[in-house]
Amino acid sequence: MIISVFKSNQKLVNGFSIIVVFCLWLPLFWLNNSIVINKYSLFNGISFINNVKLLSFAFGVLLISAQAIYINHLVNHFKIIANNTHLVSLFYVLWCAANSSLLIVTPILIANSFLLLAVHQLFSMYNVERVYSSAFNAGLLIAIAMLFYFPAVLFLPLLWIVLIYTKTPNWREFVISVLGFILPLVFFIAYYFITNQPLPMLFGVDNNYTVFLDYQIPVNSLGRGFFYSIIVVGLLAVIDLLRHIDTNVVKIRKLLLMVLLMMLLLCSSLFVNSFDYLATYLLMGIPFSIILANYFNQMKRTWLAEIIFLGLLITLFLSYFS
């Protein structure tokens, strides 16, 4: 079954992740999804991708596949989950296709790429005496993600908390992280100044950070059923993680707490994006894919894990056609 296949540590399973993404994104060809793009977002430079469905499909499949394989590599490399598996990549691609409205290239998908790179920097900081380069790189990557989708700025407090929580604090690292964060903003504002355009007011009250339109929230019963079901399973996974987190060694415990904190901070993006639930949901794909993978990996009744996952997958496919 699917869970058993992705529990394997064979690299060949990465190919199955790509096949899953390919199948989940096929409905894009008969959908007419649209998004709202903030006028100051860097995404405007590549928004033409969504004008051609084949181009949008190819870009989306390649991007999500690469993200899924990369986040799975991070989790296995830092031993966050007990055994090396490919469950993280499986749940990431499923999370990113949880609604037919998500089958479109969005600023959030692009921002997630930079946030994943930032997560790598954060994980590598654990118990390292000096992390000047990692702090700078993380700040830089978070700023670039923010220029695609502003609520990604909520990753910045996570960076500072990690600098305190996982190692002995050093004030220079905080300063360097801020310098890394400021650098892309300087180039961004300089571009508007050189091209004689009105300077962007990133924090202006007139800016719209909503991505998905209201009518794109699941309207059919199967769509709502899957959307709410995966959220419920995700919450059960969070509860299970909190119950058993003390059984892990100190390093893994701190990394898992970092993932939980990431989830909470990204959840608060609702207060920044005008309660765009789908956008916040998509932004939380990184922490939740790790939490769900950990839950299903530790589930003792393999048959139950298979039934739950198969039920989610069938419901998702049927929702595309209902």
C-alpha atoms as a PDB file:
ATOM      1  CA  MET A   1       0.000   0.000   0.000  1.00  0.00           C
ATOM      2  CA  ILE A   2       0.955   3.668  -0.361  1.00  0.00           C
ATOM      3  CA  ILE A   3       2.078   4.365   3.227  1.00  0.00           C
ATOM      4  CA  SER A   4       4.219   1.229   3.277  1.00  0.00           C
ATOM      5  CA  VAL A   5       5.883   2.217  -0.009  1.00  0.00           C
ATOM      6  CA  PHE A   6       6.720   5.716   1.209  1.00  0.00           C
ATOM      7  CA  LYS A   7       8.011   4.396   4.537  1.00  0.00           C
ATOM      8  CA  SER A   8      10.880   2.921   2.544  1.00  0.00           C
ATOM      9  CA  ASN A   9      14.227   4.718   2.579  1.00  0.00           C
ATOM     10  CA  GLN A  10      14.965   3.842  -1.058  1.00  0.00           C
ATOM     11  CA  LYS A  11      15.753   6.925  -3.166  1.00  0.00           C
ATOM     12  CA  LEU A  12      13.670   5.461  -5.991  1.00  0.00           C
ATOM     13  CA  VAL A  13      10.577   6.456  -4.002  1.00  0.00           C
ATOM     14  CA  ASN A  14      11.307  10.092  -4.929  1.00  0.00           C
ATOM     15  CA  GLY A  15      10.086   9.183  -8.388  1.00  0.00           C
ATOM     16  CA  PHE A  16       6.732   8.110  -6.932  1.00  0.00           C
ATOM     17  CA  SER A  17       6.425  11.546  -5.285  1.00  0.00           C
ATOM     18  CA  ILE A  18       6.707  13.158  -8.710  1.00  0.00           C
ATOM     19  CA  ILE A  19       4.071  10.775 -10.110  1.00  0.00           C
ATOM     20  CA  VAL A  20       1.679  11.674  -7.261  1.00  0.00           C
ATOM     21  CA  VAL A  21       2.144  15.407  -7.924  1.00  0.00           C
ATOM     22  CA  PHE A  22       1.611  14.839 -11.656  1.00  0.00           C
ATOM     23  CA  CYS A  23      -1.673  12.993 -11.046  1.00  0.00           C
ATOM     24  CA  LEU A  24      -2.965  15.459  -8.441  1.00  0.00           C
ATOM     25  CA  TRP A  25      -2.325  18.445 -10.726  1.00  0.00           C
ATOM     26  CA  LEU A  26      -3.974  17.001 -13.858  1.00  0.00           C
ATOM     27  CA  PRO A  27      -7.376  18.617 -13.055  1.00  0.00           C
ATOM     28  CA  LEU A  28      -5.715  22.010 -13.614  1.00  0.00           C
ATOM     29  CA  PHE A  29      -6.422  21.592 -17.353  1.00  0.00           C
ATOM     30  CA  TRP A  30     -10.207  21.820 -16.916  1.00  0.00           C
ATOM     31  CA  LEU A  31     -10.234  24.310 -14.047  1.00  0.00           C
ATOM     32  CA  ASN A  32     -10.263  28.098 -14.355  1.00  0.00           C
ATOM     33  CA  ASN A  33      -8.553  29.133 -11.144  1.00  0.00           C
ATOM     34  CA  SER A  34      -7.441  32.690 -10.538  1.00  0.00           C
ATOM     35  CA  ILE A  35      -5.599  34.541  -7.788  1.00  0.00           C
ATOM     36  CA  VAL A  36      -5.146  38.084  -6.526  1.00  0.00           C
ATOM     37  CA  ILE A  37      -1.571  39.352  -6.827  1.00  0.00           C
ATOM     38  CA  ASN A  38      -0.289  42.191  -4.686  1.00  0.00           C
ATOM     39  CA  LYS A  39       0.995  44.968  -6.967  1.00  0.00           C
ATOM     40  CA  TYR A  40       4.371  45.044  -5.187  1.00  0.00           C
ATOM     41  CA  SER A  41       4.952  41.286  -5.168  1.00  0.00           C
ATOM     42  CA  LEU A  42       7.940  39.944  -7.113  1.00  0.00           C
ATOM     43  CA  PHE A  43       5.525  37.309  -8.400  1.00  0.00           C
ATOM     44  CA  ASN A  44       4.283  39.844 -10.952  1.00  0.00           C
ATOM     45  CA  GLY A  45       7.484  39.189 -12.892  1.00  0.00           C
ATOM     46  CA  ILE A  46       6.527  35.547 -13.497  1.00  0.00           C
ATOM     47  CA  SER A  47       2.725  35.701 -13.277  1.00  0.00           C
ATOM     48  CA  PHE A  48       2.534  35.048 -17.033  1.00  0.00           C
ATOM     49  CA  ILE A  49       3.088  31.375 -16.174  1.00  0.00           C
ATOM     50  CA  ASN A  50      -0.575  31.065 -15.261  1.00  0.00           C
ATOM     51  CA  ASN A  51      -1.671  32.399 -18.668  1.00  0.00           C
ATOM     52  CA  VAL A  52      -0.752  29.073 -20.305  1.00  0.00           C
ATOM     53  CA  LYS A  53      -2.156  25.997 -18.540  1.00  0.00           C
ATOM     54  CA  LEU A  54       0.526  23.645 -19.823  1.00  0.00           C
ATOM     55  CA  LEU A  55       3.239  26.009 -18.571  1.00  0.00           C
ATOM     56  CA  SER A  56       1.474  26.430 -15.225  1.00  0.00           C
ATOM     57  CA  PHE A  57       1.091  22.656 -14.921  1.00  0.00           C
ATOM     58  CA  ALA A  58       4.738  21.924 -15.746  1.00  0.00           C
ATOM     59  CA  PHE A  59       6.049  24.653 -13.441  1.00  0.00           C
ATOM     60  CA  GLY A  60       3.755  23.634 -10.567  1.00  0.00           C
ATOM     61  CA  VAL A  61       4.594  19.931 -10.823  1.00  0.00           C
ATOM     62  CA  LEU A  62       8.346  20.563 -10.992  1.00  0.00           C
ATOM     63  CA  LEU A  63       8.298  23.121  -8.163  1.00  0.00           C
ATOM     64  CA  ILE A  64       6.222  21.060  -5.727  1.00  0.00           C
ATOM     65  CA  SER A  65       8.156  17.885  -6.570  1.00  0.00           C
ATOM     66  CA  ALA A  66      11.452  19.645  -5.880  1.00  0.00           C
ATOM     67  CA  GLN A  67      10.113  21.113  -2.621  1.00  0.00           C
ATOM     68  CA  ALA A  68       8.765  17.732  -1.493  1.00  0.00           C
ATOM     69  CA  ILE A  69      12.035  15.923  -2.190  1.00  0.00           C
ATOM     70  CA  TYR A  70      14.047  18.689  -0.524  1.00  0.00           C
ATOM     71  CA  ILE A  71      11.987  18.854   2.681  1.00  0.00           C
ATOM     72  CA  ASN A  72      12.129  15.060   2.900  1.00  0.00           C
ATOM     73  CA  HIS A  73      15.914  15.239   2.553  1.00  0.00           C
ATOM     74  CA  LEU A  74      16.101  17.788   5.396  1.00  0.00           C
ATOM     75  CA  VAL A  75      14.023  15.660   7.745  1.00  0.00           C
ATOM     76  CA  ASN A  76      16.087  12.545   7.033  1.00  0.00           C
ATOM     77  CA  HIS A  77      19.394  14.411   7.206  1.00  0.00           C
ATOM     78  CA  PHE A  78      18.648  15.889  10.639  1.00  0.00           C
ATOM     79  CA  LYS A  79      16.977  12.657  11.849  1.00  0.00           C
ATOM     80  CA  ILE A  80      13.814  14.486  12.902  1.00  0.00           C
ATOM     81  CA  ILE A  81      11.723  11.355  12.311  1.00  0.00           C
ATOM     82  CA  ALA A  82      12.762   8.041  13.849  1.00  0.00           C
ATOM     83  CA  ASN A  83      13.494   6.252  10.560  1.00  0.00           C
ATOM     84  CA  ASN A  84      14.504   7.519   7.144  1.00  0.00           C
ATOM     85  CA  THR A  85      11.280   7.587   5.134  1.00  0.00           C
ATOM     86  CA  HIS A  86       9.670   9.455   2.250  1.00  0.00           C
ATOM     87  CA  LEU A  87       6.423  10.143   4.101  1.00  0.00           C
ATOM     88  CA  VAL A  88       7.238  13.852   4.417  1.00  0.00           C
ATOM     89  CA  SER A  89       7.333  14.288   0.631  1.00  0.00           C
ATOM     90  CA  LEU A  90       4.069  12.334   0.288  1.00  0.00           C
ATOM     91  CA  PHE A  91       2.199  14.499   2.782  1.00  0.00           C
ATOM     92  CA  TYR A  92       3.679  17.709   1.402  1.00  0.00           C
ATOM     93  CA  VAL A  93       2.347  17.042  -2.114  1.00  0.00           C
ATOM     94  CA  LEU A  94      -1.014  15.959  -0.695  1.00  0.00           C
ATOM     95  CA  TRP A  95      -1.215  19.084   1.476  1.00  0.00           C
ATOM     96  CA  CYS A  96      -0.465  21.354  -1.491  1.00  0.00           C
ATOM     97  CA  ALA A  97      -3.297  19.799  -3.530  1.00  0.00           C
ATOM     98  CA  ALA A  98      -5.930  19.676  -0.789  1.00  0.00           C
ATOM     99  CA  ASN A  99      -8.348  21.769  -2.835  1.00  0.00           C
ATOM    100  CA  SER A 100      -8.848  22.239  -6.566  1.00  0.00           C
ATOM    101  CA  SER A 101      -8.387  25.993  -6.030  1.00  0.00           C
ATOM    102  CA  LEU A 102      -4.766  25.337  -5.034  1.00  0.00           C
ATOM    103  CA  LEU A 103      -3.928  23.953  -8.478  1.00  0.00           C
ATOM    104  CA  ILE A 104      -2.348  27.144  -9.732  1.00  0.00           C
ATOM    105  CA  VAL A 105       1.116  28.652  -9.342  1.00  0.00           C
ATOM    106  CA  THR A 106       0.922  31.194  -6.514  1.00  0.00           C
ATOM    107  CA  PRO A 107       3.291  33.591  -4.744  1.00  0.00           C
ATOM    108  CA  ILE A 108       3.015  31.299  -1.713  1.00  0.00           C
ATOM    109  CA  LEU A 109       4.481  28.335  -3.596  1.00  0.00           C
ATOM    110  CA  ILE A 110       7.438  30.474  -4.643  1.00  0.00           C
ATOM    111  CA  ALA A 111       7.837  31.858  -1.103  1.00  0.00           C
ATOM    112  CA  ASN A 112       7.782  28.307   0.296  1.00  0.00           C
ATOM    113  CA  SER A 113      10.881  27.487  -1.769  1.00  0.00           C
ATOM    114  CA  PHE A 114      12.871  30.220  -0.023  1.00  0.00           C
ATOM    115  CA  LEU A 115      11.371  29.345   3.362  1.00  0.00           C
ATOM    116  CA  LEU A 116      12.497  25.743   2.903  1.00  0.00           C
ATOM    117  CA  LEU A 117      16.032  26.961   2.280  1.00  0.00           C
ATOM    118  CA  ALA A 118      15.718  29.118   5.410  1.00  0.00           C
ATOM    119  CA  VAL A 119      14.512  26.086   7.398  1.00  0.00           C
ATOM    120  CA  HIS A 120      17.694  24.269   6.353  1.00  0.00           C
ATOM    121  CA  GLN A 121      19.724  27.143   7.802  1.00  0.00           C
ATOM    122  CA  LEU A 122      17.690  27.067  11.039  1.00  0.00           C
ATOM    123  CA  PHE A 123      18.071  23.316  11.527  1.00  0.00           C
ATOM    124  CA  SER A 124      21.826  23.547  10.952  1.00  0.00           C
ATOM    125  CA  MET A 125      22.219  26.103  13.770  1.00  0.00           C
ATOM    126  CA  TYR A 126      21.616  23.592  16.534  1.00  0.00           C
ATOM    127  CA  ASN A 127      24.421  23.652  19.111  1.00  0.00           C
ATOM    128  CA  VAL A 128      26.861  25.414  16.756  1.00  0.00           C
ATOM    129  CA  GLU A 129      28.984  28.051  18.495  1.00  0.00           C
ATOM    130  CA  ARG A 130      29.035  30.652  15.700  1.00  0.00           C
ATOM    131  CA  VAL A 131      26.367  30.745  13.003  1.00  0.00           C
ATOM    132  CA  TYR A 132      27.096  34.081  11.360  1.00  0.00           C
ATOM    133  CA  SER A 133      26.713  32.805   7.795  1.00  0.00           C
ATOM    134  CA  SER A 134      23.594  30.763   8.604  1.00  0.00           C
ATOM    135  CA  ALA A 135      21.976  33.724  10.374  1.00  0.00           C
ATOM    136  CA  PHE A 136      22.733  36.011   7.427  1.00  0.00           C
ATOM    137  CA  ASN A 137      21.510  33.467   4.867  1.00  0.00           C
ATOM    138  CA  ALA A 138      18.303  32.787   6.801  1.00  0.00           C
ATOM    139  CA  GLY A 139      17.510  36.510   7.085  1.00  0.00           C
ATOM    140  CA  LEU A 140      18.225  36.974   3.368  1.00  0.00           C
ATOM    141  CA  LEU A 141      15.996  34.041   2.342  1.00  0.00           C
ATOM    142  CA  ILE A 142      13.127  35.152   4.577  1.00  0.00           C
ATOM    143  CA  ALA A 143      13.250  38.642   3.045  1.00  0.00           C
ATOM    144  CA  ILE A 144      13.127  37.229  -0.501  1.00  0.00           C
ATOM    145  CA  ALA A 145      10.167  35.020   0.478  1.00  0.00           C
ATOM    146  CA  MET A 146       8.466  38.105   1.951  1.00  0.00           C
ATOM    147  CA  LEU A 147       8.886  40.005  -1.330  1.00  0.00           C
ATOM    148  CA  PHE A 148       6.865  37.253  -3.021  1.00  0.00           C
ATOM    149  CA  TYR A 149       4.298  36.877  -0.237  1.00  0.00           C
ATOM    150  CA  PHE A 150       4.440  39.384   2.602  1.00  0.00           C
ATOM    151  CA  PRO A 151       3.111  37.164   5.473  1.00  0.00           C
ATOM    152  CA  ALA A 152       6.263  35.045   5.075  1.00  0.00           C
ATOM    153  CA  VAL A 153       7.887  37.759   7.227  1.00  0.00           C
ATOM    154  CA  LEU A 154       6.493  35.810  10.208  1.00  0.00           C
ATOM    155  CA  PHE A 155       9.476  33.498   9.776  1.00  0.00           C
ATOM    156  CA  LEU A 156      11.773  36.260  11.042  1.00  0.00           C
ATOM    157  CA  PRO A 157      10.736  35.918  14.722  1.00  0.00           C
ATOM    158  CA  LEU A 158      11.294  32.170  14.338  1.00  0.00           C
ATOM    159  CA  LEU A 159      14.880  32.852  13.291  1.00  0.00           C
ATOM    160  CA  TRP A 160      15.518  34.949  16.396  1.00  0.00           C
ATOM    161  CA  ILE A 161      13.871  32.387  18.689  1.00  0.00           C
ATOM    162  CA  VAL A 162      16.049  29.643  17.190  1.00  0.00           C
ATOM    163  CA  LEU A 163      19.165  31.735  17.847  1.00  0.00           C
ATOM    164  CA  ILE A 164      18.177  31.829  21.521  1.00  0.00           C
ATOM    165  CA  TYR A 165      16.681  28.374  21.982  1.00  0.00           C
ATOM    166  CA  THR A 166      19.087  26.034  20.189  1.00  0.00           C
ATOM    167  CA  LYS A 167      22.418  27.562  21.197  1.00  0.00           C
ATOM    168  CA  THR A 168      24.136  30.135  23.376  1.00  0.00           C
ATOM    169  CA  PRO A 169      22.847  33.560  22.189  1.00  0.00           C
ATOM    170  CA  ASN A 170      25.289  35.960  20.547  1.00  0.00           C
ATOM    171  CA  TRP A 171      24.182  39.521  19.833  1.00  0.00           C
ATOM    172  CA  ARG A 172      26.290  39.649  16.653  1.00  0.00           C
ATOM    173  CA  GLU A 173      24.180  36.888  15.120  1.00  0.00           C
ATOM    174  CA  PHE A 174      21.011  38.919  15.652  1.00  0.00           C
ATOM    175  CA  VAL A 175      22.575  41.950  13.982  1.00  0.00           C
ATOM    176  CA  ILE A 176      23.855  39.846  11.081  1.00  0.00           C
ATOM    177  CA  SER A 177      20.423  38.261  10.594  1.00  0.00           C
ATOM    178  CA  VAL A 178      18.854  41.732  10.369  1.00  0.00           C
ATOM    179  CA  LEU A 179      21.506  42.825   7.849  1.00  0.00           C
ATOM    180  CA  GLY A 180      20.722  39.750   5.747  1.00  0.00           C
ATOM    181  CA  PHE A 181      17.022  40.575   5.938  1.00  0.00           C
ATOM    182  CA  ILE A 182      17.537  44.212   4.957  1.00  0.00           C
ATOM    183  CA  LEU A 183      19.780  43.532   1.941  1.00  0.00           C
ATOM    184  CA  PRO A 184      17.041  42.333  -0.496  1.00  0.00           C
ATOM    185  CA  LEU A 185      14.792  45.188   0.652  1.00  0.00           C
ATOM    186  CA  VAL A 186      17.503  47.695  -0.228  1.00  0.00           C
ATOM    187  CA  PHE A 187      17.782  46.315  -3.776  1.00  0.00           C
ATOM    188  CA  PHE A 188      13.993  46.125  -4.062  1.00  0.00           C
ATOM    189  CA  ILE A 189      13.472  49.764  -3.083  1.00  0.00           C
ATOM    190  CA  ALA A 190      16.485  50.869  -5.159  1.00  0.00           C
ATOM    191  CA  TYR A 191      14.869  49.334  -8.262  1.00  0.00           C
ATOM    192  CA  TYR A 192      11.731  51.447  -7.779  1.00  0.00           C
ATOM    193  CA  PHE A 193      13.854  54.540  -7.159  1.00  0.00           C
ATOM    194  CA  ILE A 194      16.060  54.034 -10.251  1.00  0.00           C
ATOM    195  CA  THR A 195      13.064  53.312 -12.506  1.00  0.00           C
ATOM    196  CA  ASN A 196      11.334  56.433 -11.152  1.00  0.00           C
ATOM    197  CA  GLN A 197       8.325  54.508  -9.860  1.00  0.00           C
ATOM    198  CA  PRO A 198       6.404  55.253  -6.648  1.00  0.00           C
ATOM    199  CA  LEU A 199       8.267  53.648  -3.771  1.00  0.00           C
ATOM    200  CA  PRO A 200       6.425  50.569  -2.457  1.00  0.00           C
ATOM    201  CA  MET A 201       4.845  50.876   0.960  1.00  0.00           C
ATOM    202  CA  LEU A 202       5.048  47.242   2.072  1.00  0.00           C
ATOM    203  CA  PHE A 203       3.238  47.919   5.297  1.00  0.00           C
ATOM    204  CA  GLY A 204       0.581  50.207   3.822  1.00  0.00           C
ATOM    205  CA  VAL A 205      -3.010  49.587   4.904  1.00  0.00           C
ATOM    206  CA  ASP A 206      -4.132  49.708   1.266  1.00  0.00           C
ATOM    207  CA  ASN A 207      -2.028  46.683   0.339  1.00  0.00           C
ATOM    208  CA  ASN A 208      -3.954  43.483  -0.341  1.00  0.00           C
ATOM    209  CA  TYR A 209      -2.185  40.302   0.733  1.00  0.00           C
ATOM    210  CA  THR A 210      -5.146  38.094  -0.142  1.00  0.00           C
ATOM    211  CA  VAL A 211      -4.286  35.478  -2.789  1.00  0.00           C
ATOM    212  CA  PHE A 212      -7.385  33.307  -3.125  1.00  0.00           C
ATOM    213  CA  LEU A 213     -10.817  34.689  -3.911  1.00  0.00           C
ATOM    214  CA  ASP A 214     -13.686  34.010  -1.499  1.00  0.00           C
ATOM    215  CA  TYR A 215     -15.626  31.829  -3.923  1.00  0.00           C
ATOM    216  CA  GLN A 216     -12.671  29.470  -4.285  1.00  0.00           C
ATOM    217  CA  ILE A 217     -13.131  28.040  -0.794  1.00  0.00           C
ATOM    218  CA  PRO A 218     -14.467  24.442  -1.129  1.00  0.00           C
ATOM    219  CA  VAL A 219     -18.113  24.564  -2.141  1.00  0.00           C
ATOM    220  CA  ASN A 220     -18.920  20.892  -2.743  1.00  0.00           C
ATOM    221  CA  SER A 221     -19.407  18.457   0.138  1.00  0.00           C
ATOM    222  CA  LEU A 222     -16.498  16.192  -0.862  1.00  0.00           C
ATOM    223  CA  GLY A 223     -14.137  19.153  -1.163  1.00  0.00           C
ATOM    224  CA  ARG A 224     -15.103  20.408   2.279  1.00  0.00           C
ATOM    225  CA  GLY A 225     -14.940  16.861   3.612  1.00  0.00           C
ATOM    226  CA  PHE A 226     -11.329  16.375   2.516  1.00  0.00           C
ATOM    227  CA  PHE A 227     -10.265  19.873   3.553  1.00  0.00           C
ATOM    228  CA  TYR A 228     -11.636  19.501   7.071  1.00  0.00           C
ATOM    229  CA  SER A 229     -10.542  15.855   7.366  1.00  0.00           C
ATOM    230  CA  ILE A 230      -6.869  16.561   6.683  1.00  0.00           C
ATOM    231  CA  ILE A 231      -6.966  19.454   9.143  1.00  0.00           C
ATOM    232  CA  VAL A 232      -8.492  17.157  11.812  1.00  0.00           C
ATOM    233  CA  VAL A 233      -5.850  14.474  11.119  1.00  0.00           C
ATOM    234  CA  GLY A 234      -3.209  17.210  11.298  1.00  0.00           C
ATOM    235  CA  LEU A 235      -4.473  18.336  14.713  1.00  0.00           C
ATOM    236  CA  LEU A 236      -4.474  14.720  15.942  1.00  0.00           C
ATOM    237  CA  ALA A 237      -0.868  14.494  14.741  1.00  0.00           C
ATOM    238  CA  VAL A 238       0.008  17.650  16.697  1.00  0.00           C
ATOM    239  CA  ILE A 239      -1.594  16.233  19.867  1.00  0.00           C
ATOM    240  CA  ASP A 240       0.267  12.940  19.413  1.00  0.00           C
ATOM    241  CA  LEU A 241       3.529  14.806  18.923  1.00  0.00           C
ATOM    242  CA  LEU A 242       3.015  16.825  22.106  1.00  0.00           C
ATOM    243  CA  ARG A 243       2.223  13.654  24.050  1.00  0.00           C
ATOM    244  CA  HIS A 244       5.383  11.815  22.990  1.00  0.00           C
ATOM    245  CA  ILE A 245       7.849  14.637  22.383  1.00  0.00           C
ATOM    246  CA  ASP A 246       9.664  14.026  25.692  1.00  0.00           C
ATOM    247  CA  THR A 247      10.614  10.511  24.572  1.00  0.00           C
ATOM    248  CA  ASN A 248      13.013  11.939  21.972  1.00  0.00           C
ATOM    249  CA  VAL A 249      16.633  12.890  22.565  1.00  0.00           C
ATOM    250  CA  VAL A 250      17.282  16.566  23.327  1.00  0.00           C
ATOM    251  CA  LYS A 251      18.314  17.545  19.796  1.00  0.00           C
ATOM    252  CA  ILE A 252      15.283  15.963  18.110  1.00  0.00           C
ATOM    253  CA  ARG A 253      12.993  17.381  20.788  1.00  0.00           C
ATOM    254  CA  LYS A 254      14.236  20.901  20.114  1.00  0.00           C
ATOM    255  CA  LEU A 255      13.942  20.502  16.341  1.00  0.00           C
ATOM    256  CA  LEU A 256      10.371  19.202  16.693  1.00  0.00           C
ATOM    257  CA  LEU A 257       9.489  22.112  18.976  1.00  0.00           C
ATOM    258  CA  MET A 258      10.933  24.383  16.296  1.00  0.00           C
ATOM    259  CA  VAL A 259       8.524  22.800  13.793  1.00  0.00           C
ATOM    260  CA  LEU A 260       5.591  23.338  16.182  1.00  0.00           C
ATOM    261  CA  LEU A 261       6.561  26.965  16.698  1.00  0.00           C
ATOM    262  CA  MET A 262       6.831  27.365  12.919  1.00  0.00           C
ATOM    263  CA  MET A 263       3.275  26.055  12.631  1.00  0.00           C
ATOM    264  CA  LEU A 264       1.950  28.543  15.206  1.00  0.00           C
ATOM    265  CA  LEU A 265       3.697  31.549  13.650  1.00  0.00           C
ATOM    266  CA  LEU A 266       2.502  30.695  10.139  1.00  0.00           C
ATOM    267  CA  CYS A 267      -1.021  30.130  11.449  1.00  0.00           C
ATOM    268  CA  SER A 268      -0.986  33.731  12.687  1.00  0.00           C
ATOM    269  CA  SER A 269      -0.655  34.857   9.042  1.00  0.00           C
ATOM    270  CA  LEU A 270      -4.468  34.861   9.050  1.00  0.00           C
ATOM    271  CA  PHE A 271      -4.272  38.221  10.812  1.00  0.00           C
ATOM    272  CA  VAL A 272      -2.026  39.613   8.062  1.00  0.00           C
ATOM    273  CA  ASN A 273      -3.695  38.278   4.896  1.00  0.00           C
ATOM    274  CA  SER A 274      -7.278  39.350   5.652  1.00  0.00           C
ATOM    275  CA  PHE A 275      -8.190  35.833   6.814  1.00  0.00           C
ATOM    276  CA  ASP A 276      -7.331  34.177   3.514  1.00  0.00           C
ATOM    277  CA  TYR A 277      -7.730  30.634   4.841  1.00  0.00           C
ATOM    278  CA  LEU A 278      -6.455  28.844   1.741  1.00  0.00           C
ATOM    279  CA  ALA A 279      -3.323  31.001   1.637  1.00  0.00           C
ATOM    280  CA  THR A 280      -2.559  30.331   5.299  1.00  0.00           C
ATOM    281  CA  TYR A 281      -3.270  26.640   4.770  1.00  0.00           C
ATOM    282  CA  LEU A 282      -0.792  26.461   1.867  1.00  0.00           C
ATOM    283  CA  LEU A 283       1.825  28.409   3.830  1.00  0.00           C
ATOM    284  CA  MET A 284       1.596  25.848   6.652  1.00  0.00           C
ATOM    285  CA  GLY A 285       2.450  22.938   4.351  1.00  0.00           C
ATOM    286  CA  ILE A 286       6.069  22.829   5.537  1.00  0.00           C
ATOM    287  CA  PRO A 287       5.482  22.202   9.269  1.00  0.00           C
ATOM    288  CA  PHE A 288       2.354  20.088   8.825  1.00  0.00           C
ATOM    289  CA  SER A 289       3.950  17.708   6.318  1.00  0.00           C
ATOM    290  CA  ILE A 290       6.644  16.947   8.925  1.00  0.00           C
ATOM    291  CA  ILE A 291       4.101  16.553  11.735  1.00  0.00           C
ATOM    292  CA  LEU A 292       1.808  14.291   9.669  1.00  0.00           C
ATOM    293  CA  ALA A 293       4.736  12.162   8.487  1.00  0.00           C
ATOM    294  CA  ASN A 294       5.893  11.722  12.080  1.00  0.00           C
ATOM    295  CA  TYR A 295       2.355  10.690  13.125  1.00  0.00           C
ATOM    296  CA  PHE A 296       1.880   8.092  10.383  1.00  0.00           C
ATOM    297  CA  ASN A 297       5.412   6.776  10.795  1.00  0.00           C
ATOM    298  CA  GLN A 298       4.814   6.055  14.479  1.00  0.00           C
ATOM    299  CA  MET A 299       1.323   4.631  13.996  1.00  0.00           C
ATOM    300  CA  LYS A 300       1.526   1.029  15.205  1.00  0.00           C
ATOM    301  CA  ARG A 301      -1.508  -0.173  13.244  1.00  0.00           C
ATOM    302  CA  THR A 302      -0.204   0.074   9.694  1.00  0.00           C
ATOM    303  CA  TRP A 303      -3.540  -1.028   8.264  1.00  0.00           C
ATOM    304  CA  LEU A 304      -5.244   1.913   9.991  1.00  0.00           C
ATOM    305  CA  ALA A 305      -2.698   4.353   8.543  1.00  0.00           C
ATOM    306  CA  GLU A 306      -3.312   2.892   5.074  1.00  0.00           C
ATOM    307  CA  ILE A 307      -7.102   3.187   5.413  1.00  0.00           C
ATOM    308  CA  ILE A 308      -6.955   6.789   6.645  1.00  0.00           C
ATOM    309  CA  PHE A 309      -4.598   7.861   3.869  1.00  0.00           C
ATOM    310  CA  LEU A 310      -6.486   5.981   1.150  1.00  0.00           C
ATOM    311  CA  GLY A 311      -9.738   7.541   2.365  1.00  0.00           C
ATOM    312  CA  LEU A 312      -8.188  11.024   2.154  1.00  0.00           C
ATOM    313  CA  LEU A 313      -6.801  10.367  -1.320  1.00  0.00           C
ATOM    314  CA  ILE A 314     -10.068   8.976  -2.740  1.00  0.00           C
ATOM    315  CA  THR A 315     -12.075  11.846  -1.246  1.00  0.00           C
ATOM    316  CA  LEU A 316      -9.660  14.347  -2.784  1.00  0.00           C
ATOM    317  CA  PHE A 317      -9.889  12.825  -6.264  1.00  0.00           C
ATOM    318  CA  LEU A 318     -13.688  12.634  -6.134  1.00  0.00           C
ATOM    319  CA  SER A 319     -13.890  16.272  -4.995  1.00  0.00           C
ATOM    320  CA  TYR A 320     -12.119  17.312  -8.196  1.00  0.00           C
ATOM    321  CA  PHE A 321     -14.923  15.848 -10.301  1.00  0.00           C
ATOM    322  CA  SER A 322     -17.949  16.696  -8.180  1.00  0.00           C
END
